């Protein structure tokens, strides 16, 4: 075969591995028990690798909060001193089979969703989603929310999940897409469907009322609870697609608030990075573009596997959060077909004639068409100590894809 045929065959294989993914929630466990390579006094962060001195405000705030939550320091100043002296290790979520939304951090005692891709046997992990500590706020109230997740909600859900032997996530996601979710920032349907399943599981388990009632209140009043599950599912689906020789398909997109990075299936574990784009969208009262930090988070793993803004044409409800019109949303979903290699047979959009989600971002097509993937995202403050301030639509810098394509040419002797 010539090089073009090798690439096409490899890309078909990569896309098929994504399409074949069968994500199942198998556990909710302390990160230190399940995440490979997670050490004591180590914090995992979003995006490509970055040192403490270069981190954005929101990421710094989230890390300071986790140091306080773990009890490694009693004050913000004490936590900062530990980080500046290198007494707390830092590493990217993606290097440990994990993902985190926005500035979301993972440490040893934090319970994570454990999702297994039953088609390939690999696992991926994600923390729970909330709107404060994961955006860089480190006051006592959001930290107390992390402790309630650790001490009450997660253990109760873990017991209930064990009672039913795990939960297949794919049927929930298929149904949610047809109910108007896009599986990135709109999870109203998916969260409700998940809560229904888990409420029944909790009812079957023999647990005390003081654990059951707060947990039922938590899962039935959290419209974004499924985001962490979708992200872990996306990571579990994308990982088996990585490492296919000659493939030009993107298997990770992630941002740390300073850089936007991608990984490509046929190019090993190298990150191709460029400065993270600015984000300007719809803001919560009291905030404006002057307060916004740069794009960040691992949640673009949802677009990497064809969800999020790739299916926004079927989820017009999200536009009240990120901005835009239904006509623009339909155009975005159609446009993504131009830069991908396949459509998914079961993740469908009724509003587009039940067209399948576009799967397999091809760096060649991105560069050739000058069309970057579309991503819907939340907005974090430029300084530490704040909750969510807004949401928007954003595109990665083209430089990431151009760098990757040049590297591909070098590795495979393509002129």
Protein backbone atom coordinates (compact mmCIF):
# COMPACT_ATOMS: atom_id res chain seq x y z
CA UNK A 1 0.00 0.00 0.00
CA UNK A 2 1.11 3.57 -0.59
CA UNK A 3 1.20 6.05 2.29
CA UNK A 4 -2.28 7.43 1.58
CA UNK A 5 -3.81 3.94 1.70
CA UNK A 6 -1.97 3.19 4.94
CA UNK A 7 -3.32 6.38 6.50
CA UNK A 8 -6.89 5.70 5.36
CA UNK A 9 -6.78 2.13 6.67
CA UNK A 10 -5.28 3.27 9.99
CA UNK A 11 -7.88 6.02 10.38
CA UNK A 12 -10.70 3.59 9.70
CA UNK A 13 -9.28 1.32 12.41
CA UNK A 14 -8.96 4.22 14.86
CA UNK A 15 -12.52 5.43 14.25
CA UNK A 16 -13.90 1.90 14.55
CA UNK A 17 -12.23 1.47 17.92
CA UNK A 18 -14.01 4.62 19.10
CA UNK A 19 -17.32 3.45 17.64
CA UNK A 20 -16.99 0.03 19.30
CA UNK A 21 -16.53 1.54 22.78
CA UNK A 22 -18.85 0.16 25.47
CA UNK A 23 -18.46 2.33 28.60
CA UNK A 24 -19.76 0.86 31.87
CA UNK A 25 -19.61 2.49 35.31
CA UNK A 26 -18.02 -0.22 37.47
CA UNK A 27 -17.04 1.63 40.64
CA UNK A 28 -16.84 4.93 42.52
CA UNK A 29 -13.59 4.69 44.46
CA UNK A 30 -10.95 6.84 46.17
CA UNK A 31 -8.48 7.88 43.48
CA UNK A 32 -5.55 6.48 45.45
CA UNK A 33 -7.08 3.00 45.20
CA UNK A 34 -7.61 2.91 41.45
CA UNK A 35 -5.61 5.48 39.44
CA UNK A 36 -2.26 4.12 38.19
CA UNK A 37 0.78 6.05 39.34
CA UNK A 38 -1.09 8.41 41.68
CA UNK A 39 1.26 8.96 44.60
CA UNK A 40 0.81 10.41 48.06
CA UNK A 41 1.07 14.21 48.03
CA UNK A 42 0.41 14.26 44.29
CA UNK A 43 -2.23 16.31 42.48
CA UNK A 44 -3.37 15.63 38.93
CA UNK A 45 -4.44 18.61 36.82
CA UNK A 46 -6.16 19.33 33.51
CA UNK A 47 -4.45 19.73 30.17
CA UNK A 48 -0.91 19.10 28.94
CA UNK A 49 2.01 19.08 31.43
CA UNK A 50 2.71 22.41 33.12
CA UNK A 51 4.70 23.49 36.16
CA UNK A 52 3.28 25.44 39.10
CA UNK A 53 5.00 28.70 38.14
CA UNK A 54 3.25 28.81 34.75
CA UNK A 55 -0.23 27.77 35.87
CA UNK A 56 -3.20 30.07 35.35
CA UNK A 57 -5.14 31.56 38.24
CA UNK A 58 -8.03 29.07 38.21
CA UNK A 59 -5.69 26.05 38.13
CA UNK A 60 -3.64 27.48 41.00
CA UNK A 61 -6.78 28.07 43.02
CA UNK A 62 -8.06 24.55 42.46
CA UNK A 63 -4.72 23.03 43.47
CA UNK A 64 -4.52 25.16 46.59
CA UNK A 65 -8.02 23.99 47.47
CA UNK A 66 -7.10 20.32 47.11
CA UNK A 67 -4.01 20.78 49.29
CA UNK A 68 -6.29 22.23 51.99
CA UNK A 69 -8.90 19.49 51.45
CA UNK A 70 -6.28 16.76 51.88
CA UNK A 71 -4.97 18.42 55.06
CA UNK A 72 -1.45 18.88 53.70
CA UNK A 73 -1.67 22.52 54.81
CA UNK A 74 -3.94 24.50 57.10
CA UNK A 75 -3.75 27.82 55.27
CA UNK A 76 -3.60 29.00 51.68
CA UNK A 77 -0.16 30.47 52.39
CA UNK A 78 1.04 27.14 53.75
CA UNK A 79 -0.29 25.27 50.72
CA UNK A 80 1.39 27.74 48.37
CA UNK A 81 4.71 27.31 50.18
CA UNK A 82 4.54 23.52 49.74
CA UNK A 83 3.90 23.93 46.01
CA UNK A 84 6.63 26.49 45.50
CA UNK A 85 9.12 24.23 47.31
CA UNK A 86 8.11 21.22 45.21
CA UNK A 87 6.77 19.24 48.18
CA UNK A 88 3.58 18.42 46.25
CA UNK A 89 3.94 16.56 42.95
CA UNK A 90 1.92 17.71 39.94
CA UNK A 91 0.97 15.76 36.82
CA UNK A 92 -1.57 15.78 33.98
CA UNK A 93 -4.76 13.76 34.39
CA UNK A 94 -4.30 12.30 30.90
CA UNK A 95 -1.01 10.66 31.91
CA UNK A 96 -2.89 8.60 34.49
CA UNK A 97 -5.93 7.42 32.47
CA UNK A 98 -7.93 10.28 33.97
CA UNK A 99 -9.68 13.49 32.97
CA UNK A 100 -10.99 16.50 34.87
CA UNK A 101 -13.36 19.35 33.92
CA UNK A 102 -12.00 22.92 33.90
CA UNK A 103 -9.32 23.27 36.64
CA UNK A 104 -10.56 20.08 38.27
CA UNK A 105 -7.87 18.33 40.29
CA UNK A 106 -7.53 14.76 41.56
CA UNK A 107 -5.78 13.66 44.75
CA UNK A 108 -5.60 10.35 46.61
CA UNK A 109 -8.70 10.59 48.84
CA UNK A 110 -10.99 12.10 46.19
CA UNK A 111 -13.52 9.49 44.97
CA UNK A 112 -13.61 9.13 41.18
CA UNK A 113 -16.01 7.60 38.68
CA UNK A 114 -14.42 4.39 37.38
CA UNK A 115 -15.57 3.62 33.84
CA UNK A 116 -14.51 0.45 32.04
CA UNK A 117 -14.64 0.10 28.27
CA UNK A 118 -15.97 -3.46 28.09
CA UNK A 119 -15.05 -3.76 24.41
CA UNK A 120 -11.33 -3.38 25.17
CA UNK A 121 -10.97 -3.90 28.94
CA UNK A 122 -9.37 -0.53 29.76
CA UNK A 123 -10.49 1.88 32.48
CA UNK A 124 -10.66 5.66 32.83
CA UNK A 125 -11.39 7.99 35.75
CA UNK A 126 -12.96 11.38 36.45
CA UNK A 127 -13.83 13.37 39.57
CA UNK A 128 -17.36 14.59 40.28
CA UNK A 129 -18.47 17.87 38.75
CA UNK A 130 -19.42 21.03 40.64
CA UNK A 131 -19.25 24.74 39.93
CA UNK A 132 -16.83 26.09 42.50
CA UNK A 133 -13.62 24.26 43.49
CA UNK A 134 -13.16 22.94 39.94
CA UNK A 135 -13.07 26.59 38.79
CA UNK A 136 -10.46 27.62 41.34
CA UNK A 137 -12.47 28.60 44.42
CA UNK A 138 -10.90 27.37 47.67
CA UNK A 139 -13.15 28.77 50.42
CA UNK A 140 -14.53 26.45 53.08
CA UNK A 141 -17.96 25.93 51.52
CA UNK A 142 -16.80 24.27 48.27
CA UNK A 143 -14.19 22.26 50.19
CA UNK A 144 -16.95 21.03 52.49
CA UNK A 145 -18.81 19.90 49.37
CA UNK A 146 -15.77 17.79 48.43
CA UNK A 147 -15.81 16.23 51.89
CA UNK A 148 -19.52 15.38 51.64
CA UNK A 149 -18.80 13.71 48.28
CA UNK A 150 -15.95 11.75 49.92
CA UNK A 151 -17.74 10.82 53.14
CA UNK A 152 -21.43 10.42 52.19
CA UNK A 153 -22.46 10.65 48.55
CA UNK A 154 -19.71 8.61 46.86
CA UNK A 155 -19.70 5.72 49.40
CA UNK A 156 -23.49 5.47 49.20
CA UNK A 157 -23.43 5.39 45.41
CA UNK A 158 -20.58 2.87 45.49
CA UNK A 159 -22.59 0.50 47.64
CA UNK A 160 -25.66 0.87 45.43
CA UNK A 161 -23.63 0.37 42.26
CA UNK A 162 -22.11 -2.83 43.65
CA UNK A 163 -25.65 -4.04 44.41
CA UNK A 164 -26.61 -3.83 40.71
CA UNK A 165 -23.24 -4.98 39.39
CA UNK A 166 -22.36 -1.82 37.43
CA UNK A 167 -24.25 0.49 35.10
CA UNK A 168 -24.09 0.49 31.29
CA UNK A 169 -23.67 4.13 30.24
CA UNK A 170 -24.12 3.80 26.48
CA UNK A 171 -27.94 3.40 26.54
CA UNK A 172 -28.20 6.47 28.78
CA UNK A 173 -26.08 8.54 26.39
CA UNK A 174 -27.96 7.36 23.29
CA UNK A 175 -31.29 8.29 24.86
CA UNK A 176 -29.99 11.59 26.25
CA UNK A 177 -28.80 12.73 22.81
CA UNK A 178 -32.29 12.12 21.48
CA UNK A 179 -33.72 14.12 24.41
CA UNK A 180 -31.68 17.25 23.66
CA UNK A 181 -28.39 16.75 25.52
CA UNK A 182 -25.00 17.21 23.86
CA UNK A 183 -23.04 15.37 26.61
CA UNK A 184 -20.64 18.19 27.41
CA UNK A 185 -22.33 21.16 29.09
CA UNK A 186 -25.96 20.04 28.80
CA UNK A 187 -26.70 16.87 30.76
CA UNK A 188 -30.26 17.52 31.90
CA UNK A 189 -31.60 14.31 30.36
CA UNK A 190 -28.54 12.13 31.06
CA UNK A 191 -28.35 13.25 34.69
CA UNK A 192 -32.06 12.52 35.18
CA UNK A 193 -31.77 9.09 33.58
CA UNK A 194 -28.72 8.31 35.71
CA UNK A 195 -30.46 9.49 38.88
CA UNK A 196 -33.45 7.25 38.12
CA UNK A 197 -31.19 4.20 37.72
CA UNK A 198 -29.20 4.92 40.86
CA UNK A 199 -32.24 5.78 42.97
CA UNK A 200 -33.59 2.31 42.26
CA UNK A 201 -30.19 0.80 43.09
CA UNK A 202 -30.02 2.75 46.36
CA UNK A 203 -33.49 1.49 47.26
CA UNK A 204 -32.28 -2.10 46.84
CA UNK A 205 -29.24 -1.63 49.08
CA UNK A 206 -29.52 -1.85 52.85
CA UNK A 207 -28.11 1.50 53.99
CA UNK A 208 -28.95 3.95 56.80
CA UNK A 209 -31.36 6.78 56.07
CA UNK A 210 -28.82 9.45 57.01
CA UNK A 211 -26.72 8.31 54.02
CA UNK A 212 -29.56 7.50 51.63
CA UNK A 213 -31.58 10.72 51.85
CA UNK A 214 -28.68 13.18 51.34
CA UNK A 215 -27.42 11.09 48.41
CA UNK A 216 -30.84 10.96 46.77
CA UNK A 217 -31.08 14.72 47.20
CA UNK A 218 -27.66 15.13 45.62
CA UNK A 219 -28.20 13.01 42.51
CA UNK A 220 -31.75 14.21 41.82
CA UNK A 221 -30.84 17.91 42.03
CA UNK A 222 -27.57 17.91 40.08
CA UNK A 223 -28.21 18.62 36.39
CA UNK A 224 -24.53 18.18 35.53
CA UNK A 225 -23.75 15.05 37.55
CA UNK A 226 -23.44 13.03 34.34
CA UNK A 227 -20.63 15.24 32.95
CA UNK A 228 -18.00 13.42 35.00
CA UNK A 229 -19.38 10.10 33.78
CA UNK A 230 -19.41 11.26 30.16
CA UNK A 231 -15.83 12.48 30.44
CA UNK A 232 -14.62 9.20 31.94
CA UNK A 233 -16.57 7.38 29.22
CA UNK A 234 -14.96 9.55 26.53
CA UNK A 235 -11.49 8.86 27.90
CA UNK A 236 -12.21 5.12 28.11
CA UNK A 237 -13.43 5.19 24.49
CA UNK A 238 -10.51 7.23 23.12
CA UNK A 239 -7.61 5.44 24.82
CA UNK A 240 -7.90 2.17 22.82
CA UNK A 241 -7.87 4.28 19.64
CA UNK A 242 -4.46 5.67 20.53
CA UNK A 243 -1.27 4.16 19.15
CA UNK A 244 -2.48 3.06 15.71
CA UNK A 245 0.46 3.39 13.32
CA UNK A 246 -0.13 5.82 10.42
CA UNK A 247 -3.32 7.21 11.97
CA UNK A 248 -3.84 10.97 11.76
CA UNK A 249 -6.85 10.92 14.13
CA UNK A 250 -6.85 13.03 17.30
CA UNK A 251 -7.27 10.99 20.50
CA UNK A 252 -7.09 13.79 23.09
CA UNK A 253 -7.76 17.53 23.25
CA UNK A 254 -7.00 19.22 26.57
CA UNK A 255 -6.27 22.67 27.97
CA UNK A 256 -4.54 23.86 31.13
CA UNK A 257 -5.43 27.55 30.92
CA UNK A 258 -2.05 28.41 29.38
CA UNK A 259 -1.79 25.92 26.51
CA UNK A 260 -4.14 23.95 24.31
CA UNK A 261 -2.77 20.51 23.44
CA UNK A 262 -3.70 17.56 21.23
CA UNK A 263 -2.47 14.00 20.93
CA UNK A 264 -2.64 12.02 17.69
CA UNK A 265 -3.10 8.26 17.46
CA UNK A 266 -0.10 7.57 15.21
CA UNK A 267 2.30 9.96 16.98
CA UNK A 268 2.78 8.37 20.39
CA UNK A 269 2.43 10.30 23.62
CA UNK A 270 3.73 13.67 22.38
CA UNK A 271 1.58 16.74 23.01
CA UNK A 272 1.29 19.34 20.26
CA UNK A 273 0.56 22.64 21.94
CA UNK A 274 -0.13 26.29 21.28
CA UNK A 275 -1.26 29.15 23.54
CA UNK A 276 -4.76 28.54 24.87
CA UNK A 277 -7.36 30.75 23.16
CA UNK A 278 -9.21 33.50 24.95
CA UNK A 279 -12.86 32.80 25.71
CA UNK A 280 -15.66 35.33 25.41
CA UNK A 281 -19.29 34.29 25.68
CA UNK A 282 -22.24 34.69 28.03
CA UNK A 283 -21.36 35.75 31.56
CA UNK A 284 -23.04 35.31 34.91
CA UNK A 285 -24.15 38.55 36.62
CA UNK A 286 -21.21 40.56 37.92
CA UNK A 287 -18.65 39.22 35.46
CA UNK A 288 -17.40 40.24 32.01
CA UNK A 289 -14.72 39.41 29.46
CA UNK A 290 -12.24 41.41 31.53
CA UNK A 291 -12.50 38.73 34.25
CA UNK A 292 -12.09 35.69 31.98
CA UNK A 293 -9.12 33.38 31.94
CA UNK A 294 -8.02 31.42 28.89
CA UNK A 295 -9.64 28.18 27.73
CA UNK A 296 -9.03 25.22 30.03
CA UNK A 297 -10.07 21.71 31.08
CA UNK A 298 -10.03 18.09 29.89
CA UNK A 299 -13.74 18.13 29.04
CA UNK A 300 -12.98 18.48 25.31
CA UNK A 301 -12.56 14.70 25.47
CA UNK A 302 -16.30 14.75 24.74
CA UNK A 303 -15.76 16.49 21.39
CA UNK A 304 -12.79 14.18 20.75
CA UNK A 305 -15.21 11.23 20.60
CA UNK A 306 -17.94 13.14 18.74
CA UNK A 307 -20.15 14.64 21.46
CA UNK A 308 -20.37 18.17 22.87
CA UNK A 309 -20.42 20.88 20.25
CA UNK A 310 -20.12 18.23 17.53
CA UNK A 311 -23.77 17.34 18.21
CA UNK A 312 -24.89 20.82 19.30
CA UNK A 313 -27.32 20.94 16.35
CA UNK A 314 -29.46 18.45 18.25
CA UNK A 315 -29.18 20.31 21.56
CA UNK A 316 -30.49 23.86 21.09
CA UNK A 317 -31.15 24.18 24.82
CA UNK A 318 -27.42 24.61 25.42
CA UNK A 319 -27.43 27.87 23.46
CA UNK A 320 -28.92 29.74 26.41
CA UNK A 321 -25.66 28.93 28.22
CA UNK A 322 -23.00 29.25 25.49
CA UNK A 323 -24.68 31.64 23.03
CA UNK A 324 -25.51 31.34 19.33
CA UNK A 325 -28.62 30.50 17.31
CA UNK A 326 -30.24 27.17 16.38
CA UNK A 327 -29.23 27.77 12.76
CA UNK A 328 -25.59 28.21 13.79
CA UNK A 329 -25.77 25.08 15.93
CA UNK A 330 -27.01 22.99 13.01
CA UNK A 331 -24.23 24.44 10.84
CA UNK A 332 -21.58 23.53 13.42
CA UNK A 333 -22.68 19.89 13.51
CA UNK A 334 -22.70 19.66 9.72
CA UNK A 335 -19.31 21.38 9.52
CA UNK A 336 -17.67 18.79 11.78
CA UNK A 337 -18.34 16.12 9.16
CA UNK A 338 -15.76 17.88 6.97
CA UNK A 339 -12.90 17.21 9.41
CA UNK A 340 -13.74 13.71 10.65
CA UNK A 341 -13.42 10.20 9.22
CA UNK A 342 -16.67 8.48 10.27
CA UNK A 343 -20.16 8.90 11.70
CA UNK A 344 -21.38 6.98 14.70
CA UNK A 345 -24.17 4.47 14.01
CA UNK A 346 -25.92 4.86 17.39
CA UNK A 347 -25.13 8.35 18.73
CA UNK A 348 -27.75 10.12 16.61
CA UNK A 349 -29.23 13.62 16.22
CA UNK A 350 -32.97 13.65 15.40
CA UNK A 351 -32.82 17.35 14.42
CA UNK A 352 -30.39 16.48 11.62
CA UNK A 353 -32.43 13.61 10.19
CA UNK A 354 -30.92 11.20 12.74
CA UNK A 355 -27.43 11.86 11.40
CA UNK A 356 -24.75 10.13 13.45
CA UNK A 357 -22.21 12.06 15.50
CA UNK A 358 -19.00 12.87 13.61
CA UNK A 359 -16.14 10.71 14.93
CA UNK A 360 -12.40 10.83 14.39
CA UNK A 361 -10.91 14.32 13.99
CA UNK A 362 -8.34 14.07 11.17
CA UNK A 363 -5.44 16.53 11.48
CA UNK A 364 -5.03 16.47 7.68
CA UNK A 365 -8.60 17.60 7.10
CA UNK A 366 -8.38 20.27 9.81
CA UNK A 367 -5.33 21.81 8.14
CA UNK A 368 -6.61 21.36 4.58
CA UNK A 369 -10.01 22.93 5.26
CA UNK A 370 -8.79 25.44 7.87
CA UNK A 371 -11.74 24.29 10.02
CA UNK A 372 -10.85 23.74 13.67
CA UNK A 373 -13.07 21.58 15.91
CA UNK A 374 -15.84 23.44 17.71
CA UNK A 375 -15.99 23.04 21.51
CA UNK A 376 -18.54 24.30 24.01
CA UNK A 377 -16.94 25.27 27.28
CA UNK A 378 -17.40 27.00 30.59
CA UNK A 379 -15.40 30.09 31.55
CA UNK A 380 -13.15 30.33 34.60
CA UNK A 381 -11.88 33.54 36.20
CA UNK A 382 -8.34 34.70 35.40
CA UNK A 383 -7.55 34.86 39.13
CA UNK A 384 -7.72 32.12 41.79
CA UNK A 385 -10.58 31.97 44.27
CA UNK A 386 -13.64 32.26 42.02
CA UNK A 387 -16.47 29.90 40.90
CA UNK A 388 -17.77 29.57 37.33
CA UNK A 389 -18.28 32.95 35.62
CA UNK A 390 -19.81 32.01 32.24
CA UNK A 391 -19.80 29.75 29.18
CA UNK A 392 -19.05 29.96 25.48
CA UNK A 393 -18.09 28.23 22.24
CA UNK A 394 -14.40 28.08 21.34
CA UNK A 395 -12.05 26.56 18.76
CA UNK A 396 -8.52 25.23 19.30
CA UNK A 397 -5.56 27.08 17.77
CA UNK A 398 -4.72 25.77 14.30
CA UNK A 399 -1.05 25.68 15.27
CA UNK A 400 -1.61 22.45 17.26
CA UNK A 401 -2.81 20.62 14.15
CA UNK A 402 -0.12 22.09 11.92
CA UNK A 403 2.61 21.01 14.35
CA UNK A 404 1.15 17.50 14.50
CA UNK A 405 0.95 17.24 10.72
CA UNK A 406 4.60 18.30 10.36
CA UNK A 407 5.61 15.74 12.99
CA UNK A 408 3.59 13.07 11.17
CA UNK A 409 5.41 13.88 7.94
CA UNK A 410 8.77 13.50 9.65
CA UNK A 411 7.92 10.22 11.35
CA UNK A 412 6.43 8.52 8.32
CA UNK A 413 8.59 10.18 5.63
CA UNK A 414 5.65 11.96 4.02
CA UNK A 415 6.59 14.90 1.80
